Protein backbone atom coordinates (compact mmCIF):
# COMPACT_ATOMS: atom_id res chain seq x y z
CA MET A 1 10.31 -113.22 11.39
CA PHE A 2 8.84 -111.72 8.44
CA GLY A 3 9.46 -108.14 7.60
CA LEU A 4 6.80 -105.51 7.78
CA GLU A 5 5.58 -104.26 4.52
CA GLU A 6 3.82 -100.86 3.84
CA PRO A 7 0.00 -101.09 3.11
CA ALA A 8 -0.63 -100.43 -0.54
CA PHE A 9 -3.31 -97.82 -1.35
CA GLU A 10 -5.64 -98.25 -4.16
CA GLU A 11 -7.00 -95.38 -6.06
CA SER A 12 -10.48 -94.55 -5.53
CA ILE A 13 -13.08 -92.05 -6.94
CA TYR A 14 -14.42 -91.05 -3.43
CA SER A 15 -10.93 -89.60 -2.67
CA ILE A 16 -11.43 -86.96 -5.44
CA LEU A 17 -14.50 -85.38 -3.79
CA PRO A 18 -13.61 -82.91 -0.89
CA PRO A 19 -14.74 -83.68 2.65
CA PRO A 20 -17.92 -82.06 3.87
CA PRO A 21 -17.30 -78.70 5.68
CA GLN A 22 -17.50 -78.93 9.44
CA GLU A 23 -19.73 -76.33 11.24
CA VAL A 24 -17.77 -74.27 13.73
CA PRO A 25 -20.02 -73.59 16.70
CA LYS A 26 -20.66 -69.81 17.65
CA MET A 27 -19.63 -68.54 20.93
CA PRO A 28 -22.48 -67.07 22.89
CA MET A 29 -22.74 -63.11 22.20
CA HIS A 30 -21.67 -61.04 25.11
CA LYS A 31 -24.49 -58.54 26.34
CA SER A 32 -23.67 -55.77 28.74
CA LYS A 33 -25.93 -55.40 31.79
CA PHE A 34 -25.76 -51.71 31.21
CA PRO A 35 -28.16 -50.25 28.54
CA GLY A 36 -26.79 -48.63 25.34
CA ASN A 37 -28.46 -45.37 25.93
CA LEU A 38 -27.21 -44.88 29.38
CA PRO A 39 -24.91 -41.58 29.63
CA PRO A 40 -21.44 -42.03 30.96
CA THR A 41 -20.58 -41.44 34.49
CA ALA A 42 -20.48 -37.82 35.54
CA SER A 43 -21.61 -36.91 31.98
CA THR A 44 -22.38 -33.24 30.91
CA PHE A 45 -24.25 -34.28 27.70
CA GLY A 46 -27.82 -33.29 27.47
CA THR A 47 -27.76 -30.81 30.34
CA ALA A 48 -28.96 -27.18 30.27
CA GLN A 49 -26.53 -24.68 28.64
CA THR A 50 -25.38 -22.33 31.53
CA SER A 51 -22.05 -20.95 32.85
CA LEU A 52 -21.95 -24.01 35.34
CA PRO A 53 -23.22 -26.96 33.27
CA GLY A 54 -24.89 -29.69 35.20
CA VAL A 55 -23.79 -33.33 35.62
CA VAL A 56 -25.78 -36.38 35.14
CA ASN A 57 -25.35 -39.92 36.19
CA LEU A 58 -22.72 -38.97 38.70
CA ALA A 59 -22.82 -42.24 40.60
CA GLY A 60 -23.12 -44.49 37.54
CA GLU A 61 -26.55 -45.76 38.33
CA ILE A 62 -28.86 -47.55 36.09
CA LYS A 63 -32.05 -45.82 35.57
CA ASP A 64 -34.44 -45.26 32.74
CA THR A 65 -33.98 -42.09 30.88
CA ILE A 66 -36.70 -39.54 31.30
CA TYR A 67 -37.63 -37.72 28.08
CA GLY A 68 -38.99 -34.14 28.00
CA ASN A 69 -37.85 -31.13 30.22
CA HIS A 70 -34.51 -31.13 31.91
CA GLU A 71 -34.26 -31.87 35.56
CA TYR A 72 -32.39 -28.59 36.10
CA LYS A 73 -34.26 -25.41 35.45
CA LYS A 74 -33.06 -21.75 35.36
CA HIS A 75 -33.96 -19.29 38.04
CA HIS A 76 -37.27 -17.60 37.18
CA ALA A 77 -37.64 -19.79 34.34
CA ASN A 78 -41.57 -20.06 34.91
CA LEU A 79 -41.94 -16.24 35.28
CA GLY A 80 -42.55 -13.83 32.31
CA LYS A 81 -42.89 -14.86 28.71
CA PRO A 82 -41.71 -18.22 27.44
CA PRO A 83 -38.26 -18.53 25.89
CA GLY A 84 -38.25 -17.64 22.11
CA PHE A 85 -41.17 -15.34 22.31
CA LEU A 86 -39.18 -12.39 20.90
CA HIS A 87 -38.03 -14.28 17.98
CA PRO A 88 -39.28 -13.20 14.55
CA ASP A 89 -42.14 -15.37 13.08
CA PRO A 90 -40.97 -17.12 9.96
CA THR A 91 -44.46 -17.06 8.68
CA LYS A 92 -44.60 -13.32 8.47
CA ILE A 93 -42.42 -12.16 5.51
CA LEU A 94 -40.98 -8.60 5.82
CA GLY A 95 -42.49 -6.47 3.12
CA LYS A 96 -40.35 -4.14 0.86
CA GLY A 97 -40.13 -0.87 2.26
CA SER A 98 -42.29 -1.72 5.26
CA LYS A 99 -39.69 -0.03 7.56
CA GLN A 100 -39.13 2.91 5.48
CA HIS A 101 -41.13 6.23 5.37
CA ARG A 102 -42.98 6.29 2.00
CA VAL A 103 -42.60 9.57 -0.16
CA GLN A 104 -46.05 11.44 -0.55
CA SER A 105 -47.35 11.90 -4.07
CA LEU A 106 -47.11 15.31 -5.63
CA ALA A 107 -50.96 15.65 -5.18
CA ALA A 108 -50.81 14.99 -1.45
CA VAL A 109 -47.94 17.50 -1.01
CA LYS A 110 -50.00 20.21 -2.95
CA LYS A 111 -52.79 19.45 -0.63
CA ASN A 112 -51.11 19.22 2.80
CA ASN A 113 -47.84 21.06 2.56
CA PRO A 114 -47.75 23.29 -0.49
CA GLU A 115 -44.93 25.45 1.12
CA GLN A 116 -42.55 22.61 0.48
CA LEU A 117 -43.05 23.41 -3.33
CA ALA A 118 -42.11 26.96 -3.11
CA PRO A 119 -38.60 27.85 -4.66
CA LYS A 120 -36.01 28.47 -1.93
CA GLU A 121 -34.23 31.33 -4.03
CA VAL A 122 -35.93 33.45 -6.69
CA LYS A 123 -33.61 34.23 -9.58
CA PHE A 124 -34.56 37.15 -11.83
CA PRO A 125 -34.41 36.48 -15.53
CA LEU A 126 -31.31 37.85 -17.49
CA LYS A 127 -33.19 38.64 -20.60
CA PRO A 128 -36.51 40.59 -20.94
CA PRO A 129 -39.56 38.56 -21.39
CA VAL A 130 -40.96 37.77 -24.75
CA PRO A 131 -43.92 39.99 -25.63
CA ARG A 132 -47.38 38.64 -25.31
CA ARG A 133 -49.84 38.23 -27.96
CA ASP A 134 -52.00 41.09 -26.86
CA GLU A 135 -48.94 43.57 -26.49
CA LYS A 136 -48.60 45.43 -29.84
CA PRO A 137 -45.59 47.68 -30.44
CA ILE A 138 -46.01 51.43 -31.15
CA MET A 139 -46.19 51.98 -34.86
CA ASN A 140 -45.59 55.07 -37.14
CA LEU A 141 -43.29 57.00 -34.87
CA VAL A 142 -41.24 59.62 -36.92
CA SER A 143 -38.51 61.90 -35.54
CA SER A 144 -37.92 65.40 -36.88
CA LYS A 145 -34.32 65.42 -35.96
CA ASN A 146 -31.56 65.89 -38.62
CA PHE A 147 -28.76 63.41 -37.47
CA VAL A 148 -26.21 64.64 -40.06
CA THR A 149 -26.47 68.29 -38.78
CA ALA A 150 -26.86 67.24 -35.16
CA ASN A 151 -23.54 65.25 -35.58
CA ALA A 152 -21.68 67.97 -37.11
CA VAL A 153 -22.70 70.51 -34.54
CA GLU A 154 -21.61 68.07 -31.67
CA ASN A 155 -18.23 67.79 -33.11
CA ILE A 156 -17.64 71.40 -33.72
CA LEU A 157 -18.63 72.32 -30.22
CA ALA A 158 -16.74 69.37 -28.53
CA ALA A 159 -13.79 69.97 -26.32
CA PRO A 160 -10.35 68.85 -27.76
CA LYS A 161 -9.19 65.60 -26.66
CA LYS A 162 -6.32 65.50 -24.25
CA VAL A 163 -2.96 64.33 -25.61
CA GLY A 164 -1.29 61.59 -23.87
CA GLN A 165 1.97 61.92 -22.03
CA GLU A 166 4.91 61.90 -24.14
CA VAL A 167 7.16 58.76 -24.21
CA LYS A 168 10.53 59.18 -22.71
CA ASP A 169 13.52 58.95 -24.87
CA TYR A 170 15.97 56.81 -23.21
CA LEU A 171 18.67 57.49 -25.69
CA HIS A 172 19.13 60.89 -24.48
CA LYS A 173 19.32 60.10 -20.61
CA ALA A 174 22.29 61.29 -18.66
CA ASP A 175 23.33 57.80 -17.63
CA TYR A 176 22.71 56.20 -20.96
CA GLY A 177 25.55 53.62 -21.83
CA ARG A 178 26.93 53.67 -18.25
CA VAL A 179 27.15 50.71 -15.91
CA PRO A 180 24.27 51.02 -13.28
CA MET A 181 25.33 51.58 -9.81
CA TYR A 182 23.90 48.31 -8.45
CA LEU A 183 26.04 46.43 -10.71
CA ASN A 184 29.21 47.98 -9.56
CA LYS A 185 28.08 47.25 -5.95
CA ILE A 186 27.60 43.53 -6.85
CA LYS A 187 30.99 43.42 -8.67
CA ASN A 188 32.73 44.81 -5.34
CA ASP A 189 30.87 42.25 -3.27
CA ILE A 190 32.04 39.52 -5.54
CA ALA A 191 35.67 40.63 -5.57
CA GLU A 192 35.72 40.81 -1.67
CA GLU A 193 34.33 37.20 -1.54
CA TYR A 194 37.12 36.04 -3.89
CA GLU A 195 39.70 37.82 -1.89
CA TYR A 196 38.49 36.10 1.30
CA ILE A 197 38.41 32.74 -0.24
CA ARG A 198 42.01 33.47 -1.64
CA LYS A 199 43.08 34.25 2.12
CA LEU A 200 41.56 31.14 3.42
CA GLN A 201 43.37 29.05 0.77
CA GLU A 202 46.64 30.58 1.66
CA GLU A 203 46.14 29.80 5.22
CA GLU A 204 45.31 26.25 4.75
CA GLU A 205 48.49 25.71 2.41
CA GLU A 206 50.43 27.42 5.29
CA MET A 207 49.09 24.92 7.88
CA GLU A 208 49.87 22.03 5.60
CA ARG A 209 53.44 23.26 5.17
CA SER A 210 53.72 23.62 8.92
CA SER A 211 52.32 20.15 9.73
CA MET A 212 54.28 16.73 9.70
CA VAL A 213 53.88 16.11 6.09
CA ARG A 214 56.28 15.74 3.23
CA GLN A 215 56.26 15.33 -0.51
CA LEU A 216 57.08 12.09 -2.17
CA THR A 217 59.97 11.84 -4.51
CA ASP A 218 59.84 10.45 -8.05
CA ASP A 219 61.74 7.35 -7.03
CA GLU A 220 59.42 6.66 -4.10
CA LYS A 221 56.37 7.19 -6.40
CA GLY A 222 57.85 4.91 -8.92
CA ALA A 223 58.59 2.11 -6.37
CA LEU A 224 55.01 2.34 -5.02
CA VAL A 225 53.66 2.25 -8.46
CA GLU A 226 55.62 -0.81 -9.45
CA GLY A 227 54.64 -2.53 -6.12
CA LEU A 228 50.98 -1.70 -6.95
CA LYS A 229 51.21 -3.01 -10.41
CA ALA A 230 52.76 -6.26 -9.14
CA LYS A 231 49.98 -6.64 -6.71
CA TRP A 232 47.35 -6.03 -9.27
CA GLU A 233 48.89 -8.63 -11.50
CA LYS A 234 48.70 -11.06 -8.63
CA VAL A 235 45.05 -10.47 -7.94
CA ASN A 236 44.05 -10.32 -11.46
CA THR A 237 45.61 -13.79 -12.10
CA ASP A 238 43.61 -15.23 -9.25
CA TYR A 239 40.51 -13.37 -10.42
CA GLN A 240 40.99 -14.74 -14.07
CA ALA A 241 41.22 -18.36 -12.48
CA THR A 242 37.70 -18.12 -11.38
CA THR A 243 36.09 -16.40 -14.47
CA HIS A 244 35.21 -19.73 -15.99
CA ILE A 245 32.75 -20.23 -13.19
CA THR A 246 29.61 -18.97 -14.84
CA LYS A 247 27.19 -20.30 -12.14
CA LEU A 248 27.69 -18.67 -8.86
CA ASP A 249 25.59 -20.92 -6.78
CA THR A 250 27.21 -20.40 -3.25
CA ILE A 251 27.63 -17.44 -1.12
CA GLY A 252 31.33 -17.99 -1.02
CA LYS A 253 31.94 -17.78 -4.81
CA VAL A 254 29.83 -14.55 -4.93
CA ARG A 255 31.78 -13.03 -2.08
CA ARG A 256 35.14 -14.08 -3.57
CA LYS A 257 34.31 -12.51 -6.89
CA GLU A 258 33.00 -9.26 -5.28
CA GLN A 259 36.35 -9.22 -3.30
CA TYR A 260 38.54 -9.57 -6.15
CA GLU A 261 36.78 -6.93 -8.16
CA ALA A 262 36.86 -4.41 -5.23
CA MET A 263 40.76 -4.96 -4.70
CA LEU A 264 41.34 -4.48 -8.54
CA THR A 265 39.38 -1.18 -8.53
CA GLN A 266 41.08 0.15 -5.22
CA ILE A 267 44.58 -0.62 -6.82
CA GLU A 268 43.66 1.09 -9.88
CA LYS A 269 42.52 4.23 -8.01
CA ASP A 270 45.84 4.22 -5.87
CA ILE A 271 47.99 4.10 -9.11
CA GLU A 272 46.01 6.97 -10.55
CA LYS A 273 46.54 9.07 -7.44
CA LEU A 274 50.31 8.36 -7.59
CA HIS A 275 50.58 9.55 -11.08
CA LYS A 276 49.64 13.14 -9.94
CA ARG A 277 52.24 15.70 -9.87
CA THR A 278 52.56 16.30 -6.28
CA VAL A 279 51.90 13.54 -3.66
CA VAL A 280 52.01 14.55 -0.01
CA VAL A 281 52.24 11.91 2.82
CA ASP A 282 51.76 12.05 6.49
CA VAL A 283 54.91 10.94 8.37
CA THR A 284 53.24 10.74 11.59
CA CYS A 285 51.20 7.62 10.35
C-alpha cells in the first residue's frame, strides 16, 4: 500500500478576485386584511364632543369611512341659527373708539347744551377792576381843610388814654422766699412711702430669720470656692483641648463647645456669689 498524500494547490490569479455576491430572496410582504384608516374597536375618536361621547366601530366591522357630518347629531341641532353664527366676523375690524361715546365739539355744545358751559360757582374778584378807557378820574379837586390845625385840635380835645394795670411786685409778697404748700404736701407723701417701704423690708427680713435658713461660715464658703475652682480647672482643660478645632462641621462639636462655655460661665457666677459678705442657704433643700 502506498500512503495517501495531500493534494498540492497551485497559486492562481482567479483566487484573488472575490466571489460574486449572492442575492437573498425577499420574503413576501405581509398585508393586513384590515384597512389602515379603520378606527380601533370601540373607538371614541372623531365623535361629537358631548358629555357622553359616542362610540364607533363597536363590533370591529370593516366598512368604508363616511366623510362629512357625524352620524350622531345633537338634539335640536337643525332648529334655530347654525352653530358659529354669533362668532365675530374676522373680516370686520373693530374701529378705534367705535364702542365709546364721542365727545361733542365746543361748537356743538354751545349750540345744543349751552348750560353746560355755565360756571358752577361764581367767585367775586378780590381786587377792584381796572378802569376802562372811557372812565376818566375826577380832576382839580381842592380841599379847604387845614390838616395841621385840625390835628392839633383833635389831640387837645381827645380824652386821656387809660393807663394799663400795674405789674405786681412779687418781691414784696407775703409768702416770698417760703416753700409753697403743695411742695410740703409732696414731701410728706414721699416720706410716708419711704416709711411704708422700710416696714415691708423689715417684715421680709423677719420672715427670712424665722424660716429654715442659715448663714454659711467662712470655712464653708472657702471649701465651696475651692471645689468650684477645681471644677472650673477641669472643665477649662477639656475646653482647651478642643480649641484647636477651628471648623465646627458637626452638630456634636458645636453643642460640646456651647456646653463647655455655659459651664464655665455658670461656675464663675457661682464663685462671684460666694465672695459676698453674707451668703444664706436653705437647709430644707
